[in-house]
């Protein structure tokens, strides 16, 4: 009998997948990239960065609007 052990990491994603899909549906990155062209040496476009920031903020645990220390 052969036994294999695998490490598993479990994370709570909250609303992040839904927020990311909604931003893609709205084509936020496409609209921003049309208005703000990016240099060819960049790893990400402006639109991709904005999508990531908005999705991250939307999935934040603090929904009360209170500022963090």
PDB file of N, CA and C in Angstrom:
ATOM      1  N   UNK A   1       0.840  -1.171   0.000  1.00  0.00           N
ATOM      2  CA  UNK A   1       0.000   0.000   0.000  1.00  0.00           C
ATOM      3  C   UNK A   1       0.891   1.242   0.000  1.00  0.00           C
ATOM      4  N   UNK A   2       0.541   2.207  -0.848  1.00  0.00           N
ATOM      5  CA  UNK A   2       1.313   3.440  -0.974  1.00  0.00           C
ATOM      6  C   UNK A   2       0.477   4.605  -0.443  1.00  0.00           C
ATOM      7  N   UNK A   3       1.062   5.401   0.424  1.00  0.00           N
ATOM      8  CA  UNK A   3       0.371   6.543   1.012  1.00  0.00           C
ATOM      9  C   UNK A   3       1.087   7.818   0.596  1.00  0.00           C
ATOM     10  N   UNK A   4       0.321   8.778   0.095  1.00  0.00           N
ATOM     11  CA  UNK A   4       0.884  10.070  -0.290  1.00  0.00           C
ATOM     12  C   UNK A   4       0.258  11.156   0.565  1.00  0.00           C
ATOM     13  N   UNK A   5       1.090  12.039   1.061  1.00  0.00           N
ATOM     14  CA  UNK A   5       0.622  13.170   1.849  1.00  0.00           C
ATOM     15  C   UNK A   5       0.786  14.444   1.029  1.00  0.00           C
ATOM     16  N   UNK A   6      -0.226  15.260   1.077  1.00  0.00           N
ATOM     17  CA  UNK A   6      -0.179  16.531   0.357  1.00  0.00           C
ATOM     18  C   UNK A   6      -0.603  17.639   1.311  1.00  0.00           C
ATOM     19  N   UNK A   7       0.108  18.742   1.256  1.00  0.00           N
ATOM     20  CA  UNK A   7      -0.281  19.872   2.097  1.00  0.00           C
ATOM     21  C   UNK A   7      -1.413  20.635   1.414  1.00  0.00           C
ATOM     22  N   UNK A   8      -2.354  21.073   2.205  1.00  0.00           N
ATOM     23  CA  UNK A   8      -3.506  21.798   1.684  1.00  0.00           C
ATOM     24  C   UNK A   8      -3.578  23.151   2.387  1.00  0.00           C
ATOM     25  N   UNK A   9      -3.744  24.185   1.605  1.00  0.00           N
ATOM     26  CA  UNK A   9      -3.910  25.531   2.157  1.00  0.00           C
ATOM     27  C   UNK A   9      -5.337  25.955   1.882  1.00  0.00           C
ATOM     28  N   UNK A  10      -6.027  26.344   2.923  1.00  0.00           N
ATOM     29  CA  UNK A  10      -7.406  26.785   2.783  1.00  0.00           C
ATOM     30  C   UNK A  10      -7.481  28.261   3.128  1.00  0.00           C
ATOM     31  N   UNK A  11      -8.075  29.023   2.236  1.00  0.00           N
ATOM     32  CA  UNK A  11      -8.199  30.466   2.454  1.00  0.00           C
ATOM     33  C   UNK A  11      -9.633  30.886   2.159  1.00  0.00           C
ATOM     34  N   UNK A  12     -10.085  31.839   2.912  1.00  0.00           N
ATOM     35  CA  UNK A  12     -11.405  32.403   2.651  1.00  0.00           C
ATOM     36  C   UNK A  12     -11.237  33.563   1.670  1.00  0.00           C
ATOM     37  N   UNK A  13     -11.883  33.450   0.540  1.00  0.00           N
ATOM     38  CA  UNK A  13     -11.755  34.478  -0.484  1.00  0.00           C
ATOM     39  C   UNK A  13     -12.840  35.541  -0.383  1.00  0.00           C
ATOM     40  N   UNK A  14     -13.896  35.252   0.351  1.00  0.00           N
ATOM     41  CA  UNK A  14     -14.969  36.226   0.494  1.00  0.00           C
ATOM     42  C   UNK A  14     -15.567  36.587  -0.857  1.00  0.00           C
ATOM     43  N   UNK A  15     -15.726  37.863  -1.096  1.00  0.00           N
ATOM     44  CA  UNK A  15     -16.355  38.343  -2.328  1.00  0.00           C
ATOM     45  C   UNK A  15     -15.351  38.567  -3.456  1.00  0.00           C
ATOM     46  N   UNK A  16     -14.100  38.230  -3.236  1.00  0.00           N
ATOM     47  CA  UNK A  16     -13.072  38.512  -4.241  1.00  0.00           C
ATOM     48  C   UNK A  16     -13.373  37.896  -5.604  1.00  0.00           C
ATOM     49  N   UNK A  17     -13.711  36.598  -5.717  1.00  0.00           N
ATOM     50  CA  UNK A  17     -13.998  36.051  -7.048  1.00  0.00           C
ATOM     51  C   UNK A  17     -15.196  36.721  -7.726  1.00  0.00           C
ATOM     52  N   UNK A  18     -16.238  37.010  -6.948  1.00  0.00           N
ATOM     53  CA  UNK A  18     -17.417  37.663  -7.533  1.00  0.00           C
ATOM     54  C   UNK A  18     -17.091  39.087  -7.974  1.00  0.00           C
ATOM     55  N   UNK A  19     -16.326  39.811  -7.161  1.00  0.00           N
ATOM     56  CA  UNK A  19     -15.937  41.181  -7.525  1.00  0.00           C
ATOM     57  C   UNK A  19     -15.075  41.183  -8.780  1.00  0.00           C
ATOM     58  N   UNK A  20     -14.130  40.265  -8.844  1.00  0.00           N
ATOM     59  CA  UNK A  20     -13.244  40.194 -10.015  1.00  0.00           C
ATOM     60  C   UNK A  20     -14.030  39.878 -11.279  1.00  0.00           C
ATOM     61  N   UNK A  21     -14.963  38.947 -11.191  1.00  0.00           N
ATOM     62  CA  UNK A  21     -15.776  38.594 -12.363  1.00  0.00           C
ATOM     63  C   UNK A  21     -16.655  39.762 -12.792  1.00  0.00           C
ATOM     64  N   UNK A  22     -17.229  40.474 -11.835  1.00  0.00           N
ATOM     65  CA  UNK A  22     -18.065  41.633 -12.153  1.00  0.00           C
ATOM     66  C   UNK A  22     -17.248  42.733 -12.829  1.00  0.00           C
ATOM     67  N   UNK A  23     -16.027  42.973 -12.344  1.00  0.00           N
ATOM     68  CA  UNK A  23     -15.159  43.981 -12.961  1.00  0.00           C
ATOM     69  C   UNK A  23     -14.790  43.586 -14.386  1.00  0.00           C
ATOM     70  N   UNK A  24     -14.572  42.295 -14.614  1.00  0.00           N
ATOM     71  CA  UNK A  24     -14.283  41.826 -15.980  1.00  0.00           C
ATOM     72  C   UNK A  24     -15.504  42.006 -16.879  1.00  0.00           C
ATOM     73  N   UNK A  25     -16.695  41.718 -16.316  1.00  0.00           N
ATOM     74  CA  UNK A  25     -17.929  41.868 -17.081  1.00  0.00           C
ATOM     75  C   UNK A  25     -18.131  43.331 -17.490  1.00  0.00           C
ATOM     76  N   UNK A  26     -17.778  44.259 -16.611  1.00  0.00           N
ATOM     77  CA  UNK A  26     -17.882  45.685 -16.914  1.00  0.00           C
ATOM     78  C   UNK A  26     -16.771  46.169 -17.842  1.00  0.00           C
ATOM     79  N   UNK A  27     -15.763  45.355 -18.056  1.00  0.00           N
ATOM     80  CA  UNK A  27     -14.596  45.679 -18.879  1.00  0.00           C
ATOM     81  C   UNK A  27     -13.860  46.914 -18.347  1.00  0.00           C
ATOM     82  N   UNK A  28     -13.709  46.953 -17.035  1.00  0.00           N
ATOM     83  CA  UNK A  28     -13.017  48.073 -16.398  1.00  0.00           C
ATOM     84  C   UNK A  28     -11.585  48.188 -16.918  1.00  0.00           C
ATOM     85  N   UNK A  29     -10.874  47.071 -16.979  1.00  0.00           N
ATOM     86  CA  UNK A  29      -9.480  47.101 -17.445  1.00  0.00           C
ATOM     87  C   UNK A  29      -9.398  47.588 -18.892  1.00  0.00           C
ATOM     88  N   UNK A  30     -10.306  47.131 -19.742  1.00  0.00           N
ATOM     89  CA  UNK A  30     -10.293  47.547 -21.141  1.00  0.00           C
ATOM     90  C   UNK A  30     -10.518  49.038 -21.312  1.00  0.00           C
ATOM     91  N   UNK A  31     -11.455  49.566 -20.552  1.00  0.00           N
ATOM     92  CA  UNK A  31     -11.754  51.004 -20.628  1.00  0.00           C
ATOM     93  C   UNK A  31     -10.562  51.827 -20.152  1.00  0.00           C
ATOM     94  N   UNK A  32      -9.980  51.423 -19.029  1.00  0.00           N
ATOM     95  CA  UNK A  32      -8.833  52.170 -18.501  1.00  0.00           C
ATOM     96  C   UNK A  32      -7.635  52.061 -19.438  1.00  0.00           C
ATOM     97  N   UNK A  33      -7.418  50.881 -19.992  1.00  0.00           N
ATOM     98  CA  UNK A  33      -6.277  50.692 -20.896  1.00  0.00           C
ATOM     99  C   UNK A  33      -6.419  51.498 -22.183  1.00  0.00           C
ATOM    100  N   UNK A  34      -7.652  51.740 -22.620  1.00  0.00           N
ATOM    101  CA  UNK A  34      -7.855  52.596 -23.794  1.00  0.00           C
ATOM    102  C   UNK A  34      -7.454  54.032 -23.498  1.00  0.00           C
ATOM    103  N   UNK A  35      -7.713  54.467 -22.270  1.00  0.00           N
ATOM    104  CA  UNK A  35      -7.437  55.853 -21.893  1.00  0.00           C
ATOM    105  C   UNK A  35      -6.005  56.073 -21.414  1.00  0.00           C
ATOM    106  N   UNK A  36      -5.389  55.035 -20.866  1.00  0.00           N
ATOM    107  CA  UNK A  36      -4.036  55.138 -20.306  1.00  0.00           C
ATOM    108  C   UNK A  36      -3.146  54.056 -20.905  1.00  0.00           C
ATOM    109  N   UNK A  37      -2.543  54.313 -22.040  1.00  0.00           N
ATOM    110  CA  UNK A  37      -1.684  53.303 -22.651  1.00  0.00           C
ATOM    111  C   UNK A  37      -0.497  52.959 -21.742  1.00  0.00           C
ATOM    112  N   UNK A  38       0.018  51.771 -21.902  1.00  0.00           N
ATOM    113  CA  UNK A  38       1.104  51.291 -21.056  1.00  0.00           C
ATOM    114  C   UNK A  38       2.345  51.039 -21.920  1.00  0.00           C
ATOM    115  N   UNK A  39       3.496  51.189 -21.299  1.00  0.00           N
ATOM    116  CA  UNK A  39       4.735  50.923 -22.027  1.00  0.00           C
ATOM    117  C   UNK A  39       4.901  49.419 -22.249  1.00  0.00           C
ATOM    118  N   UNK A  40       5.649  49.042 -23.254  1.00  0.00           N
ATOM    119  CA  UNK A  40       5.827  47.627 -23.590  1.00  0.00           C
ATOM    120  C   UNK A  40       6.631  46.867 -22.550  1.00  0.00           C
ATOM    121  N   UNK A  41       7.395  47.544 -21.712  1.00  0.00           N
ATOM    122  CA  UNK A  41       8.213  46.864 -20.709  1.00  0.00           C
ATOM    123  C   UNK A  41       7.430  46.559 -19.433  1.00  0.00           C
ATOM    124  N   UNK A  42       6.204  47.050 -19.333  1.00  0.00           N
ATOM    125  CA  UNK A  42       5.405  46.857 -18.123  1.00  0.00           C
ATOM    126  C   UNK A  42       4.936  45.405 -18.017  1.00  0.00           C
ATOM    127  N   UNK A  43       4.863  44.912 -16.797  1.00  0.00           N
ATOM    128  CA  UNK A  43       4.380  43.553 -16.559  1.00  0.00           C
ATOM    129  C   UNK A  43       2.856  43.502 -16.508  1.00  0.00           C
ATOM    130  N   UNK A  44       2.239  44.583 -16.061  1.00  0.00           N
ATOM    131  CA  UNK A  44       0.784  44.682 -15.974  1.00  0.00           C
ATOM    132  C   UNK A  44       0.319  45.978 -16.612  1.00  0.00           C
ATOM    133  N   UNK A  45      -0.930  45.989 -17.049  1.00  0.00           N
ATOM    134  CA  UNK A  45      -1.489  47.228 -17.586  1.00  0.00           C
ATOM    135  C   UNK A  45      -2.114  48.019 -16.441  1.00  0.00           C
ATOM    136  N   UNK A  46      -2.416  49.290 -16.708  1.00  0.00           N
ATOM    137  CA  UNK A  46      -3.067  50.117 -15.700  1.00  0.00           C
ATOM    138  C   UNK A  46      -4.424  49.524 -15.326  1.00  0.00           C
ATOM    139  N   UNK A  47      -5.133  49.032 -16.308  1.00  0.00           N
ATOM    140  CA  UNK A  47      -6.449  48.452 -16.057  1.00  0.00           C
ATOM    141  C   UNK A  47      -6.384  47.229 -15.155  1.00  0.00           C
ATOM    142  N   UNK A  48      -5.400  46.378 -15.359  1.00  0.00           N
ATOM    143  CA  UNK A  48      -5.244  45.195 -14.515  1.00  0.00           C
ATOM    144  C   UNK A  48      -4.969  45.589 -13.065  1.00  0.00           C
ATOM    145  N   UNK A  49      -4.134  46.597 -12.888  1.00  0.00           N
ATOM    146  CA  UNK A  49      -3.810  47.058 -11.536  1.00  0.00           C
ATOM    147  C   UNK A  49      -5.052  47.631 -10.862  1.00  0.00           C
ATOM    148  N   UNK A  50      -5.811  48.449 -11.582  1.00  0.00           N
ATOM    149  CA  UNK A  50      -7.018  49.042 -11.004  1.00  0.00           C
ATOM    150  C   UNK A  50      -8.029  47.954 -10.653  1.00  0.00           C
ATOM    151  N   UNK A  51      -8.212  46.962 -11.530  1.00  0.00           N
ATOM    152  CA  UNK A  51      -9.126  45.858 -11.227  1.00  0.00           C
ATOM    153  C   UNK A  51      -8.718  45.139  -9.953  1.00  0.00           C
ATOM    154  N   UNK A  52      -7.434  44.865  -9.804  1.00  0.00           N
ATOM    155  CA  UNK A  52      -6.953  44.168  -8.612  1.00  0.00           C
ATOM    156  C   UNK A  52      -7.181  45.006  -7.353  1.00  0.00           C
ATOM    157  N   UNK A  53      -6.912  46.303  -7.443  1.00  0.00           N
ATOM    158  CA  UNK A  53      -7.109  47.179  -6.281  1.00  0.00           C
ATOM    159  C   UNK A  53      -8.579  47.278  -5.891  1.00  0.00           C
ATOM    160  N   UNK A  54      -9.451  47.431  -6.864  1.00  0.00           N
ATOM    161  CA  UNK A  54     -10.883  47.551  -6.570  1.00  0.00           C
ATOM    162  C   UNK A  54     -11.421  46.237  -6.013  1.00  0.00           C
ATOM    163  N   UNK A  55     -11.072  45.112  -6.625  1.00  0.00           N
ATOM    164  CA  UNK A  55     -11.544  43.817  -6.140  1.00  0.00           C
ATOM    165  C   UNK A  55     -11.038  43.560  -4.722  1.00  0.00           C
ATOM    166  N   UNK A  56      -9.795  43.922  -4.458  1.00  0.00           N
ATOM    167  CA  UNK A  56      -9.233  43.734  -3.128  1.00  0.00           C
ATOM    168  C   UNK A  56      -9.971  44.600  -2.108  1.00  0.00           C
ATOM    169  N   UNK A  57     -10.246  45.820  -2.456  1.00  0.00           N
ATOM    170  CA  UNK A  57     -10.942  46.724  -1.531  1.00  0.00           C
ATOM    171  C   UNK A  57     -12.376  46.268  -1.295  1.00  0.00           C
ATOM    172  N   UNK A  58     -13.039  45.792  -2.342  1.00  0.00           N
ATOM    173  CA  UNK A  58     -14.420  45.317  -2.213  1.00  0.00           C
ATOM    174  C   UNK A  58     -14.509  44.084  -1.324  1.00  0.00           C
ATOM    175  N   UNK A  59     -13.452  43.294  -1.267  1.00  0.00           N
ATOM    176  CA  UNK A  59     -13.482  42.072  -0.470  1.00  0.00           C
ATOM    177  C   UNK A  59     -12.867  42.271   0.908  1.00  0.00           C
ATOM    178  N   UNK A  60     -12.608  43.516   1.269  1.00  0.00           N
ATOM    179  CA  UNK A  60     -12.007  43.816   2.559  1.00  0.00           C
ATOM    180  C   UNK A  60     -12.954  43.433   3.692  1.00  0.00           C
ATOM    181  N   UNK A  61     -12.397  42.993   4.800  1.00  0.00           N
ATOM    182  CA  UNK A  61     -13.198  42.591   5.949  1.00  0.00           C
ATOM    183  C   UNK A  61     -13.894  43.778   6.579  1.00  0.00           C
ATOM    184  N   UNK A  62     -13.296  44.947   6.516  1.00  0.00           N
ATOM    185  CA  UNK A  62     -13.881  46.126   7.145  1.00  0.00           C
ATOM    186  C   UNK A  62     -14.865  46.781   6.187  1.00  0.00           C
ATOM    187  N   UNK A  63     -16.133  46.627   6.449  1.00  0.00           N
ATOM    188  CA  UNK A  63     -17.153  47.238   5.593  1.00  0.00           C
ATOM    189  C   UNK A  63     -17.801  48.443   6.270  1.00  0.00           C
ATOM    190  N   UNK A  64     -17.309  48.806   7.453  1.00  0.00           N
ATOM    191  CA  UNK A  64     -17.912  49.923   8.183  1.00  0.00           C
ATOM    192  C   UNK A  64     -17.386  51.271   7.715  1.00  0.00           C
ATOM    193  N   UNK A  65     -16.321  51.272   6.953  1.00  0.00           N
ATOM    194  CA  UNK A  65     -15.735  52.522   6.510  1.00  0.00           C
ATOM    195  C   UNK A  65     -14.764  53.108   7.510  1.00  0.00           C
ATOM    196  N   UNK A  66     -14.550  52.426   8.604  1.00  0.00           N
ATOM    197  CA  UNK A  66     -13.611  52.917   9.615  1.00  0.00           C
ATOM    198  C   UNK A  66     -12.185  52.805   9.094  1.00  0.00           C
ATOM    199  N   UNK A  67     -11.389  53.791   9.413  1.00  0.00           N
ATOM    200  CA  UNK A  67     -10.003  53.761   8.950  1.00  0.00           C
ATOM    201  C   UNK A  67      -9.190  52.777   9.791  1.00  0.00           C
ATOM    202  N   UNK A  68      -8.196  52.214   9.184  1.00  0.00           N
ATOM    203  CA  UNK A  68      -7.336  51.265   9.871  1.00  0.00           C
ATOM    204  C   UNK A  68      -6.135  51.999  10.449  1.00  0.00           C
ATOM    205  N   UNK A  69      -5.591  51.478  11.550  1.00  0.00           N
ATOM    206  CA  UNK A  69      -4.417  52.129  12.143  1.00  0.00           C
ATOM    207  C   UNK A  69      -3.190  51.995  11.289  1.00  0.00           C
TER     208      UNK A  69
END
